[in-house]
């Protein structure tokens, strides 16, 4: 077993999942794929490392190539601000631009080390979150659940977009309609994961609590 596979196994055990199959079931992963990644038969990509790291509460860089500390940013009580959410020029799509976090914000009540924040840019989300607000979610990378239907949630599509949308049923199982706060509905999207919004911090308070990342 190579080092990358060993780190994945250790992260899974430390997170409290007794078996590879149990972890795969908990997060909606293929049992065969995860087992092959953990036993070293199929080395996993950095994208996959990010998903595993978010689920197990470790750093993706450490998990992938042993770089830095295994501890995630949230372990010190702060959540990384992972991007901006707003409207593109034609006003139809709410999106997030991922980047290395330049800012951190305190984990909200009830949050965990997997807490992440998006900063609202512009006025396309008026009625949900104003310009400069923070939107928090737990980065668990699990499939949409029935209790998310009808609610505004954070999702990642199979085209690599991270969106804030109201989740609706699509035309058949496995597909979802994504309703914008302002703009048309995107029909029959395929999603990699979805997460409830756990907190929204108004702009005035957000300005007071944001900190620059070291």
Foldseek 3Di string as FASTA:
>chain_A
DDPLLCLLVVLCVVQPQPDLQSLCVVAVHDSVVSVCCNVVVDPDDLVVLVLSCLQSQFDSVCSNPNPDGRHAPCVVQKAFAAFEWEADPVLAFTFTDGDDGFKIFGADPPGGSQKYKHAYDDASQPVNAGHQKIWIWGSNQHADDPVQAQHFWWFAFPVGTTGTFHWHDAPDPQFTWGHGSDHHIDGGTHTRHITHTDDMGHRVVSVVGMDTDD
